[in-house]
Amino acid sequence: MSCMITGNVPLMSGAPTRVFIARLAGVAVFDPAGDQVGRVRDVVVALRLAPRPPRVLGLVVEVAPRRPVFLPITRVTVIEADAIIFDGRLNVRRFQKRDSETLVIAELLDRTIRFRDTGEPVSVVDVAMEPTRTRDWLVGKVAVSRAGGRGRVAGRGERSERPGVRGVRGRGLRRRGESLIVNWDAVEGFSAVEHGQGAAGLIAAFERMKPADLANFVHELPEKRRTEVAVALDDERLADVLEELPEDDQIEILGKLEVDRAADVLEAMGPDDAADLLGELPTEQREQLLTLMQPQDAAPVRRLLTYADDSAGGLMTTDPVIIAPDATVAEALAQIRNPDLNPALAAQVYVCRPPTATPTGRYLGTVHFQRLLREPPPTLVSGIVDAELDPLRPTMSLEAVAMYLATYNLVAGAVVDENGHLLGAVTIDDVLDHLLPEDWRESVMDAGAEVSADPEEEALRGTGGNP
């Protein structure tokens, strides 16, 4: 078996190798034909009585559409830095964690444990699994971070190949102290229930994950762990995740944050998403949060809250790409190149006389990005604007907006008031969000398939990893 090794440890013939589990997060999983079937979300282990190391049962693999399934470790044939290959047999029944099982990334990272001989507290940075001669995998090593100690602790373990563990941007997070790799039996405390467990390591493991995929992962966490992750995420990242979560999760997480932090996160959300979330809160709580938000951020949200949810005004975002008529094609293209911009919003720019902040001066029309690509960079947008297409009105119904976009083959449309001022734009993703059943996010996240039990899986998991 080919294995991903840690740091600069050489891979010797016949020698056991280590795979640090947090580094597996997001790694692609392939069948023998080379087709990707999903990505690693976590690793399932069975904790055993000390000092016996946990046994690795298998991987949690996320397959389309966002469904976690269990892949027994016995079916994994290759583990490399950027790919895992299995023997092609995969039961797509939805994974459900059992009481005897522990998820390494979701539950063990960032846990505070103690050195068995001194009682000194340390934080779990990662754990490493190692193959045995019988083809089992055991968790034999733990990478830990000491709060502020210096120098090597003789006899306890090895100094990590990584001189420091990179911290995670966010409130209250600091760079970790010295990191060590120790034997599993050198530490204790993995079975204790911990309150206030951090989440820096877990977040680092999934830092490259798209917001929608991270939201799916957060949705699956226990409430306690979900809150810890939310507290540790920075405002922008948490805002992106909240926008992808079901309504109940949004309300729960927002309610667990300190009120000032909740207001900051709402400021980082898109005005339309913030308005949708605030609209589900009690009036008193909603007003408190709006008052704590910066006035320039609260004002568009307050405007959106005045419209019905299923109207163009309630669907629109107040942050489309707006340019003045004397702007050039080059300037317009520079704005839609913004990587943080919603692709639907980047599909066109809206030309308005100053002021260009919504509600704008007089709306003149739209320029689609394909037209921008066909024109010389110095061309003024006023000369290529499409002024013939009537804009949406804020009181138009959801059905009317959907028909408008379908009729003209658009992914977004301008919303203009009776005085000709641009109020915002409705994008196709918001239309679909409201046309789908209210619980569509939960349905996608909780999607499963009725598949017969897998005898090998049941034998491995049904006995706590001791078939």
Protein backbone atom coordinates (compact mmCIF):
# COMPACT_ATOMS: atom_id res chain seq x y z
CA MET A 1 0.00 0.00 0.00
CA SER A 2 1.23 3.48 -0.82
CA CYS A 3 0.72 5.89 2.06
CA MET A 4 0.93 9.59 2.68
CA ILE A 5 3.79 10.19 5.08
CA THR A 6 4.24 13.02 7.54
CA GLY A 7 6.73 15.81 7.36
CA ASN A 8 10.08 14.54 6.04
CA VAL A 9 9.86 11.02 7.48
CA PRO A 10 11.37 8.65 4.88
CA LEU A 11 9.26 5.79 3.56
CA MET A 12 11.31 2.64 4.15
CA SER A 13 10.45 -0.70 2.66
CA GLY A 14 8.41 -2.73 5.11
CA ALA A 15 8.37 0.04 7.74
CA PRO A 16 5.05 1.26 9.08
CA THR A 17 4.00 4.70 7.85
CA ARG A 18 1.85 7.38 9.42
CA VAL A 19 -1.09 9.19 7.96
CA PHE A 20 -2.10 12.36 9.76
CA ILE A 21 -5.88 12.30 9.65
CA ALA A 22 -6.60 16.04 9.49
CA ARG A 23 -4.62 16.14 6.26
CA LEU A 24 -7.09 13.72 4.69
CA ALA A 25 -9.96 16.24 4.92
CA GLY A 26 -11.18 17.04 1.44
CA VAL A 27 -8.91 14.51 -0.32
CA ALA A 28 -10.54 13.03 -3.42
CA VAL A 29 -11.63 9.37 -3.35
CA PHE A 30 -11.36 7.31 -6.55
CA ASP A 31 -12.52 3.89 -7.67
CA PRO A 32 -10.11 1.47 -9.42
CA ALA A 33 -11.06 2.90 -12.83
CA GLY A 34 -9.88 6.35 -11.78
CA ASP A 35 -13.34 7.93 -11.48
CA GLN A 36 -13.81 10.25 -8.52
CA VAL A 37 -16.70 9.21 -6.29
CA GLY A 38 -16.39 11.80 -3.52
CA ARG A 39 -14.15 13.44 -0.94
CA VAL A 40 -13.06 12.51 2.56
CA ARG A 41 -15.01 14.26 5.27
CA ASP A 42 -13.78 12.42 8.38
CA VAL A 43 -12.30 9.22 9.78
CA VAL A 44 -14.25 6.89 12.10
CA VAL A 45 -12.44 5.23 14.99
CA ALA A 46 -13.42 3.09 17.95
CA LEU A 47 -11.92 4.26 21.24
CA ARG A 48 -10.77 1.44 23.50
CA LEU A 49 -9.77 1.14 27.13
CA ALA A 50 -6.41 2.74 27.88
CA PRO A 51 -3.67 2.25 26.96
CA ARG A 52 -4.89 0.42 23.84
CA PRO A 53 -4.89 2.75 20.82
CA PRO A 54 -8.14 3.32 18.91
CA ARG A 55 -8.86 1.15 15.93
CA VAL A 56 -9.66 2.86 12.63
CA LEU A 57 -12.97 1.60 11.24
CA GLY A 58 -13.23 3.57 8.03
CA LEU A 59 -13.68 6.88 6.27
CA VAL A 60 -16.71 9.12 5.98
CA VAL A 61 -16.84 10.01 2.28
CA GLU A 62 -19.14 12.68 0.90
CA VAL A 63 -20.73 11.67 -2.40
CA ALA A 64 -23.23 13.57 -4.53
CA PRO A 65 -25.56 15.09 -3.56
CA ARG A 66 -23.79 15.97 -0.29
CA ARG A 67 -24.45 12.54 1.21
CA PRO A 68 -21.97 11.11 3.74
CA VAL A 69 -21.36 7.36 3.34
CA PHE A 70 -19.12 4.92 5.18
CA LEU A 71 -16.10 3.39 3.45
CA PRO A 72 -14.54 0.57 5.51
CA ILE A 73 -10.79 1.00 5.92
CA THR A 74 -10.39 -2.61 4.74
CA ARG A 75 -11.53 -1.52 1.26
CA VAL A 76 -8.96 1.26 0.94
CA THR A 77 -6.08 0.20 -1.27
CA VAL A 78 -4.05 3.40 -1.67
CA ILE A 79 -3.66 6.51 0.49
CA GLU A 80 -1.67 9.36 -1.02
CA ALA A 81 -1.38 13.08 -0.34
CA ASP A 82 -3.97 14.03 -2.96
CA ALA A 83 -5.92 10.83 -3.59
CA ILE A 84 -7.43 7.79 -1.94
CA ILE A 85 -8.26 4.70 -3.98
CA PHE A 86 -10.58 1.92 -2.84
CA ASP A 87 -11.55 -1.44 -4.30
CA GLY A 88 -14.74 -0.15 -5.95
CA ARG A 89 -17.28 -1.56 -3.47
CA LEU A 90 -19.21 1.23 -1.79
CA ASN A 91 -22.52 1.10 0.08
CA VAL A 92 -24.26 4.43 -0.52
CA ARG A 93 -26.52 4.15 2.51
CA ARG A 94 -26.30 7.39 4.50
CA PHE A 95 -23.68 7.26 7.26
CA GLN A 96 -25.00 7.45 10.81
CA LYS A 97 -22.48 7.58 13.63
CA ARG A 98 -23.00 4.99 16.34
CA ASP A 99 -22.54 5.51 20.07
CA SER A 100 -19.40 3.37 20.10
CA GLU A 101 -17.76 5.42 17.35
CA THR A 102 -15.80 8.68 17.33
CA LEU A 103 -15.20 11.06 14.43
CA VAL A 104 -11.60 12.19 14.56
CA ILE A 105 -11.83 15.57 12.82
CA ALA A 106 -15.21 16.59 14.20
CA GLU A 107 -14.69 15.41 17.79
CA LEU A 108 -11.02 14.99 18.64
CA LEU A 109 -9.26 17.96 17.07
CA ASP A 110 -8.76 20.90 19.48
CA ARG A 111 -9.68 18.77 22.48
CA THR A 112 -7.76 19.53 25.68
CA ILE A 113 -6.07 16.40 27.03
CA ARG A 114 -3.27 15.79 29.56
CA PHE A 115 0.11 14.13 29.67
CA ARG A 116 -0.45 10.94 31.62
CA ASP A 117 2.70 11.28 33.73
CA THR A 118 2.55 14.98 34.67
CA GLY A 119 -1.04 16.07 34.12
CA GLU A 120 0.09 18.99 31.94
CA PRO A 121 -2.77 20.08 29.63
CA VAL A 122 -2.18 20.16 25.89
CA SER A 123 -4.40 20.68 22.85
CA VAL A 124 -4.89 18.09 20.10
CA VAL A 125 -3.62 19.36 16.76
CA ASP A 126 -3.91 16.10 14.83
CA VAL A 127 -3.76 12.32 15.26
CA ALA A 128 -1.91 9.83 13.10
CA MET A 129 -3.02 6.37 12.09
CA GLU A 130 -0.58 3.59 11.29
CA PRO A 131 -1.07 0.23 9.54
CA THR A 132 -0.34 -3.01 11.39
CA ARG A 133 0.95 -6.29 10.04
CA THR A 134 -2.61 -7.64 10.05
CA ARG A 135 -3.79 -4.81 7.71
CA ASP A 136 -5.60 -3.06 10.54
CA TRP A 137 -5.05 0.64 11.13
CA LEU A 138 -4.54 1.99 14.65
CA VAL A 139 -4.25 5.54 15.96
CA GLY A 140 -0.77 5.37 17.41
CA LYS A 141 0.39 8.99 17.55
CA VAL A 142 -1.08 12.30 18.68
CA ALA A 143 0.19 15.71 17.61
CA VAL A 144 -0.36 18.12 20.49
CA SER A 145 0.29 21.78 21.14
CA ARG A 146 1.53 23.10 24.45
CA ALA A 147 0.24 26.47 25.58
CA GLY A 148 3.57 28.22 25.98
CA GLY A 149 6.30 25.79 26.86
CA ARG A 150 9.75 25.89 25.29
CA GLY A 151 12.27 23.23 24.65
CA ARG A 152 11.86 19.55 24.07
CA VAL A 153 10.25 17.34 26.68
CA ALA A 154 12.62 14.41 26.90
CA GLY A 155 11.05 11.01 26.70
CA ARG A 156 7.55 12.23 25.92
CA GLY A 157 7.67 12.33 22.15
CA GLU A 158 9.10 13.81 19.03
CA ARG A 159 9.20 17.39 18.00
CA SER A 160 6.89 17.89 15.04
CA GLU A 161 8.41 18.37 11.61
CA ARG A 162 6.29 21.48 11.47
CA PRO A 163 7.92 23.98 13.87
CA GLY A 164 4.58 25.66 14.52
CA VAL A 165 0.96 24.98 13.74
CA ARG A 166 -0.61 27.68 11.68
CA GLY A 167 -3.35 29.55 13.52
CA VAL A 168 -6.78 30.34 12.10
CA ARG A 169 -7.95 33.86 11.45
CA GLY A 170 -10.81 34.81 13.74
CA ARG A 171 -11.86 36.16 17.08
CA GLY A 172 -9.88 35.06 20.08
CA LEU A 173 -7.59 32.72 18.15
CA ARG A 174 -3.85 32.93 18.63
CA ARG A 175 -0.86 31.10 17.22
CA ARG A 176 -0.38 27.81 18.99
CA GLY A 177 2.66 27.07 21.12
CA GLU A 178 5.23 24.31 20.72
CA SER A 179 3.92 21.21 18.96
CA LEU A 180 4.96 17.65 19.77
CA ILE A 181 4.15 14.20 18.44
CA VAL A 182 3.59 11.73 21.26
CA ASN A 183 2.47 8.14 21.65
CA TRP A 184 -1.25 7.56 22.19
CA ASP A 185 -0.61 6.01 25.60
CA ALA A 186 1.36 9.09 26.74
CA VAL A 187 -1.82 11.18 27.01
CA GLU A 188 -5.29 10.79 28.50
CA GLY A 189 -8.65 12.55 28.52
CA PHE A 190 -10.09 11.68 25.10
CA SER A 191 -13.24 10.17 26.60
CA ALA A 192 -14.12 13.08 28.89
CA VAL A 193 -16.90 15.47 27.92
CA GLU A 194 -15.29 18.86 27.34
CA HIS A 195 -17.11 22.17 27.49
CA GLY A 196 -15.64 25.05 25.54
CA GLN A 197 -13.62 22.89 23.16
CA GLY A 198 -11.88 25.00 20.54
CA ALA A 199 -12.22 24.54 16.81
CA ALA A 200 -9.06 25.97 15.23
CA GLY A 201 -7.75 22.59 14.09
CA LEU A 202 -11.08 21.50 12.66
CA ILE A 203 -11.42 24.77 10.73
CA ALA A 204 -7.86 24.50 9.42
CA ALA A 205 -8.62 21.01 8.12
CA PHE A 206 -11.45 22.38 5.98
CA GLU A 207 -10.10 25.84 5.16
CA ARG A 208 -10.19 25.16 1.38
CA MET A 209 -13.72 23.80 1.42
CA LYS A 210 -16.43 25.77 -0.39
CA PRO A 211 -18.97 27.48 1.90
CA ALA A 212 -21.81 25.19 0.79
CA ASP A 213 -19.76 22.07 1.56
CA LEU A 214 -18.55 23.45 4.90
CA ALA A 215 -22.17 24.29 5.74
CA ASN A 216 -23.11 20.68 5.08
CA PHE A 217 -20.34 19.54 7.43
CA VAL A 218 -21.42 22.01 10.12
CA HIS A 219 -25.04 20.89 9.75
CA GLU A 220 -24.01 17.33 10.62
CA LEU A 221 -22.14 18.31 13.81
CA PRO A 222 -23.69 18.00 17.28
CA GLU A 223 -25.14 21.28 18.55
CA LYS A 224 -22.27 21.83 21.00
CA ARG A 225 -19.61 21.33 18.34
CA ARG A 226 -21.55 23.39 15.82
CA THR A 227 -21.53 26.33 18.19
CA GLU A 228 -17.80 25.98 18.86
CA VAL A 229 -17.05 26.02 15.14
CA ALA A 230 -19.26 29.07 14.61
CA VAL A 231 -17.53 30.97 17.41
CA ALA A 232 -14.09 30.16 15.99
CA LEU A 233 -14.81 31.07 12.35
CA ASP A 234 -14.01 34.62 11.28
CA ASP A 235 -16.94 36.89 10.43
CA GLU A 236 -16.66 36.60 6.63
CA ARG A 237 -16.35 32.82 6.61
CA LEU A 238 -19.18 32.38 9.09
CA ALA A 239 -21.37 34.71 7.04
CA ASP A 240 -20.72 32.61 3.91
CA VAL A 241 -21.57 29.41 5.80
CA LEU A 242 -24.75 30.84 7.35
CA GLU A 243 -26.02 31.77 3.90
CA GLU A 244 -25.86 28.09 2.93
CA LEU A 245 -27.41 26.60 6.07
CA PRO A 246 -31.04 25.70 6.67
CA GLU A 247 -33.09 28.34 8.48
CA ASP A 248 -33.21 26.47 11.79
CA ASP A 249 -29.41 26.16 11.88
CA GLN A 250 -29.03 29.85 11.05
CA ILE A 251 -31.27 30.91 13.91
CA GLU A 252 -29.62 28.50 16.35
CA ILE A 253 -26.08 29.65 15.54
CA LEU A 254 -26.93 33.35 15.54
CA GLY A 255 -28.59 32.94 18.94
CA LYS A 256 -25.45 31.32 20.40
CA LEU A 257 -23.20 34.23 19.40
CA GLU A 258 -22.64 37.29 21.55
CA VAL A 259 -24.99 39.96 20.32
CA ASP A 260 -22.21 42.28 19.08
CA ARG A 261 -20.60 39.39 17.19
CA ALA A 262 -23.98 38.44 15.70
CA ALA A 263 -24.36 41.99 14.37
CA ASP A 264 -20.88 41.85 12.84
CA VAL A 265 -21.69 38.58 11.06
CA LEU A 266 -24.95 40.01 9.71
CA GLU A 267 -22.96 42.94 8.31
CA ALA A 268 -20.72 40.47 6.47
CA MET A 269 -23.69 38.65 4.93
CA GLY A 270 -25.33 39.75 1.72
CA PRO A 271 -28.10 42.25 2.53
CA ASP A 272 -30.77 39.95 1.09
CA ASP A 273 -29.57 36.94 3.10
CA ALA A 274 -29.30 39.05 6.25
CA ALA A 275 -32.83 40.33 5.70
CA ASP A 276 -34.16 36.79 5.21
CA LEU A 277 -32.54 35.67 8.48
CA LEU A 278 -33.63 38.71 10.47
CA GLY A 279 -37.14 38.31 9.13
CA GLU A 280 -37.40 35.00 10.99
CA LEU A 281 -36.40 36.48 14.35
CA PRO A 282 -38.68 38.00 16.99
CA THR A 283 -39.22 41.73 16.48
CA GLU A 284 -37.30 42.75 19.60
CA GLN A 285 -34.24 40.65 18.73
CA ARG A 286 -34.33 41.83 15.12
CA GLU A 287 -34.40 45.49 16.11
CA GLN A 288 -31.59 45.02 18.63
CA LEU A 289 -29.33 43.51 15.97
CA LEU A 290 -30.20 46.16 13.39
CA THR A 291 -29.38 48.87 15.91
CA LEU A 292 -25.96 47.33 16.59
CA MET A 293 -25.11 47.05 12.89
CA GLN A 294 -23.28 49.88 11.17
CA PRO A 295 -25.86 52.33 9.76
CA GLN A 296 -24.60 51.90 6.19
CA ASP A 297 -25.04 48.13 6.51
CA ALA A 298 -28.37 48.23 8.35
CA ALA A 299 -30.06 50.69 5.97
CA PRO A 300 -30.35 48.35 2.93
CA VAL A 301 -31.44 45.49 5.17
CA ARG A 302 -34.20 47.63 6.66
CA ARG A 303 -35.36 48.52 3.13
CA LEU A 304 -35.49 44.89 2.12
CA LEU A 305 -37.53 44.00 5.20
CA THR A 306 -40.30 46.35 4.01
CA TYR A 307 -41.03 44.11 1.00
CA ALA A 308 -42.91 40.83 0.94
CA ASP A 309 -40.61 37.78 0.91
CA ASP A 310 -42.03 36.52 -2.38
CA SER A 311 -41.77 39.83 -4.26
CA ALA A 312 -38.97 41.21 -6.41
CA GLY A 313 -38.17 43.68 -3.64
CA GLY A 314 -37.91 40.88 -1.09
CA LEU A 315 -35.78 38.71 -3.39
CA MET A 316 -33.30 41.33 -4.57
CA THR A 317 -29.83 42.13 -3.36
CA THR A 318 -28.92 45.78 -2.91
CA ASP A 319 -25.28 45.22 -3.98
CA PRO A 320 -25.25 44.68 -7.76
CA VAL A 321 -22.41 46.00 -9.91
CA ILE A 322 -23.30 49.63 -10.67
CA ILE A 323 -21.26 52.00 -12.86
CA ALA A 324 -21.69 55.54 -14.13
CA PRO A 325 -22.32 56.17 -17.87
CA ASP A 326 -18.85 57.70 -18.33
CA ALA A 327 -17.13 54.50 -17.13
CA THR A 328 -15.19 52.49 -19.69
CA VAL A 329 -15.50 48.85 -20.67
CA ALA A 330 -12.15 48.22 -18.97
CA GLU A 331 -13.49 49.64 -15.70
CA ALA A 332 -16.64 47.54 -15.94
CA LEU A 333 -14.65 44.36 -16.58
CA ALA A 334 -12.40 45.13 -13.64
CA GLN A 335 -15.43 45.23 -11.35
CA ILE A 336 -16.96 41.95 -12.49
CA ARG A 337 -13.58 40.21 -12.12
CA ASN A 338 -13.97 40.48 -8.34
CA PRO A 339 -13.61 36.84 -7.15
CA ASP A 340 -15.93 37.47 -4.21
CA LEU A 341 -18.77 38.46 -6.53
CA ASN A 342 -21.72 36.11 -7.02
CA PRO A 343 -21.40 34.71 -10.59
CA ALA A 344 -24.98 35.71 -11.37
CA LEU A 345 -24.29 39.30 -10.31
CA ALA A 346 -21.07 39.31 -12.34
CA ALA A 347 -23.03 38.49 -15.50
CA GLN A 348 -23.97 42.12 -16.06
CA VAL A 349 -23.43 45.67 -14.88
CA TYR A 350 -26.12 48.29 -14.30
CA VAL A 351 -25.56 51.78 -15.66
CA CYS A 352 -26.95 54.63 -13.54
CA ARG A 353 -26.37 58.33 -13.17
CA PRO A 354 -24.71 59.29 -9.88
CA PRO A 355 -25.16 58.55 -7.09
CA THR A 356 -24.39 54.92 -7.85
CA ALA A 357 -25.21 53.49 -4.40
CA THR A 358 -28.70 51.99 -4.18
CA PRO A 359 -31.18 53.53 -4.47
CA THR A 360 -29.27 55.14 -7.32
CA GLY A 361 -29.70 58.08 -9.57
CA ARG A 362 -31.62 57.48 -12.77
CA TYR A 363 -31.30 53.93 -14.12
CA LEU A 364 -30.15 53.93 -17.76
CA GLY A 365 -29.94 50.25 -18.56
CA THR A 366 -27.85 47.09 -18.44
CA VAL A 367 -24.65 45.94 -20.13
CA HIS A 368 -24.14 42.17 -20.29
CA PHE A 369 -20.65 40.81 -19.77
CA GLN A 370 -20.59 39.18 -23.22
CA ARG A 371 -21.07 42.62 -24.77
CA LEU A 372 -18.26 43.96 -22.61
CA LEU A 373 -15.95 41.24 -23.92
CA ARG A 374 -16.70 42.21 -27.53
CA GLU A 375 -15.90 45.92 -27.16
CA PRO A 376 -12.54 47.74 -27.04
CA PRO A 377 -11.48 48.57 -23.44
CA PRO A 378 -11.69 52.39 -23.88
CA THR A 379 -15.34 52.25 -25.04
CA LEU A 380 -17.79 54.10 -22.78
CA VAL A 381 -20.53 51.88 -21.39
CA SER A 382 -23.10 54.57 -22.15
CA GLY A 383 -22.66 53.74 -25.83
CA ILE A 384 -23.41 50.02 -25.48
CA VAL A 385 -26.09 49.98 -22.79
CA ASP A 386 -29.26 47.94 -23.36
CA ALA A 387 -32.05 50.36 -22.51
CA GLU A 388 -34.89 48.54 -24.28
CA LEU A 389 -35.56 45.82 -21.71
CA ASP A 390 -38.09 46.95 -19.11
CA PRO A 391 -36.76 46.39 -15.57
CA LEU A 392 -38.49 44.56 -12.74
CA ARG A 393 -40.68 46.43 -10.28
CA PRO A 394 -40.26 45.76 -6.54
CA THR A 395 -43.86 44.63 -6.11
CA MET A 396 -43.73 41.97 -8.84
CA SER A 397 -44.49 38.45 -7.62
CA LEU A 398 -42.05 35.56 -7.47
CA GLU A 399 -43.80 33.87 -10.39
CA ALA A 400 -43.61 37.04 -12.48
CA VAL A 401 -39.91 37.42 -11.74
CA ALA A 402 -39.25 33.78 -12.69
CA MET A 403 -41.12 34.20 -15.99
CA TYR A 404 -39.23 37.44 -16.70
CA LEU A 405 -35.83 35.77 -16.29
CA ALA A 406 -36.93 32.72 -18.30
CA THR A 407 -38.41 34.81 -21.11
CA TYR A 408 -35.27 36.87 -21.66
CA ASN A 409 -32.75 34.11 -20.78
CA LEU A 410 -31.29 36.13 -17.92
CA VAL A 411 -29.52 35.09 -14.72
CA ALA A 412 -30.29 38.43 -13.04
CA GLY A 413 -32.57 41.40 -13.53
CA ALA A 414 -32.61 45.03 -12.39
CA VAL A 415 -35.26 46.16 -9.90
CA VAL A 416 -36.27 49.80 -10.44
CA ASP A 417 -38.83 51.95 -8.58
CA GLU A 418 -41.53 54.13 -10.13
CA ASN A 419 -39.16 57.12 -10.19
CA GLY A 420 -36.52 55.30 -12.22
CA HIS A 421 -34.05 54.61 -9.39
CA LEU A 422 -32.24 51.27 -9.31
CA LEU A 423 -33.08 49.51 -6.02
CA GLY A 424 -31.15 46.29 -6.57
CA ALA A 425 -31.10 43.12 -8.66
CA VAL A 426 -32.76 39.72 -8.43
CA THR A 427 -30.51 36.75 -9.25
CA ILE A 428 -31.60 33.35 -10.46
CA ASP A 429 -30.23 31.59 -7.38
CA ASP A 430 -32.55 33.59 -5.11
CA VAL A 431 -35.49 32.81 -7.38
CA LEU A 432 -34.72 29.08 -7.26
CA ASP A 433 -34.25 29.26 -3.49
CA HIS A 434 -37.83 30.52 -3.12
CA LEU A 435 -39.36 28.31 -5.82
CA LEU A 436 -38.03 25.12 -4.23
CA PRO A 437 -39.76 23.66 -1.16
CA GLU A 438 -38.97 25.50 2.07
CA ASP A 439 -36.99 22.57 3.43
CA TRP A 440 -34.95 21.94 0.28
CA ARG A 441 -31.64 22.61 2.02
CA GLU A 442 -32.47 20.08 4.74
CA SER A 443 -33.57 17.61 2.07
CA VAL A 444 -30.25 17.91 0.23
CA MET A 445 -28.20 17.68 3.43
CA ASP A 446 -30.24 14.78 4.80
CA ALA A 447 -30.58 12.94 1.48
CA GLY A 448 -30.10 9.24 1.78
CA ALA A 449 -30.72 6.07 -0.12
CA GLU A 450 -32.45 2.92 1.04
CA VAL A 451 -29.68 0.43 0.49
CA SER A 452 -29.34 -2.96 2.06
CA ALA A 453 -26.88 -3.39 4.89
CA ASP A 454 -23.29 -4.19 4.01
CA PRO A 455 -22.19 -7.40 5.84
CA GLU A 456 -18.54 -6.33 5.93
CA GLU A 457 -19.44 -2.90 7.24
CA GLU A 458 -21.77 -4.36 9.87
CA ALA A 459 -19.11 -6.82 11.01
CA LEU A 460 -16.54 -4.03 11.31
CA ARG A 461 -18.75 -1.44 13.00
CA GLY A 462 -21.17 -3.63 14.91
CA THR A 463 -18.53 -4.87 17.33
CA GLY A 464 -16.82 -1.57 18.02
CA GLY A 465 -14.14 -2.31 15.48
CA ASN A 466 -13.32 -5.77 16.77
CA PRO A 467 -14.84 -8.24 14.29
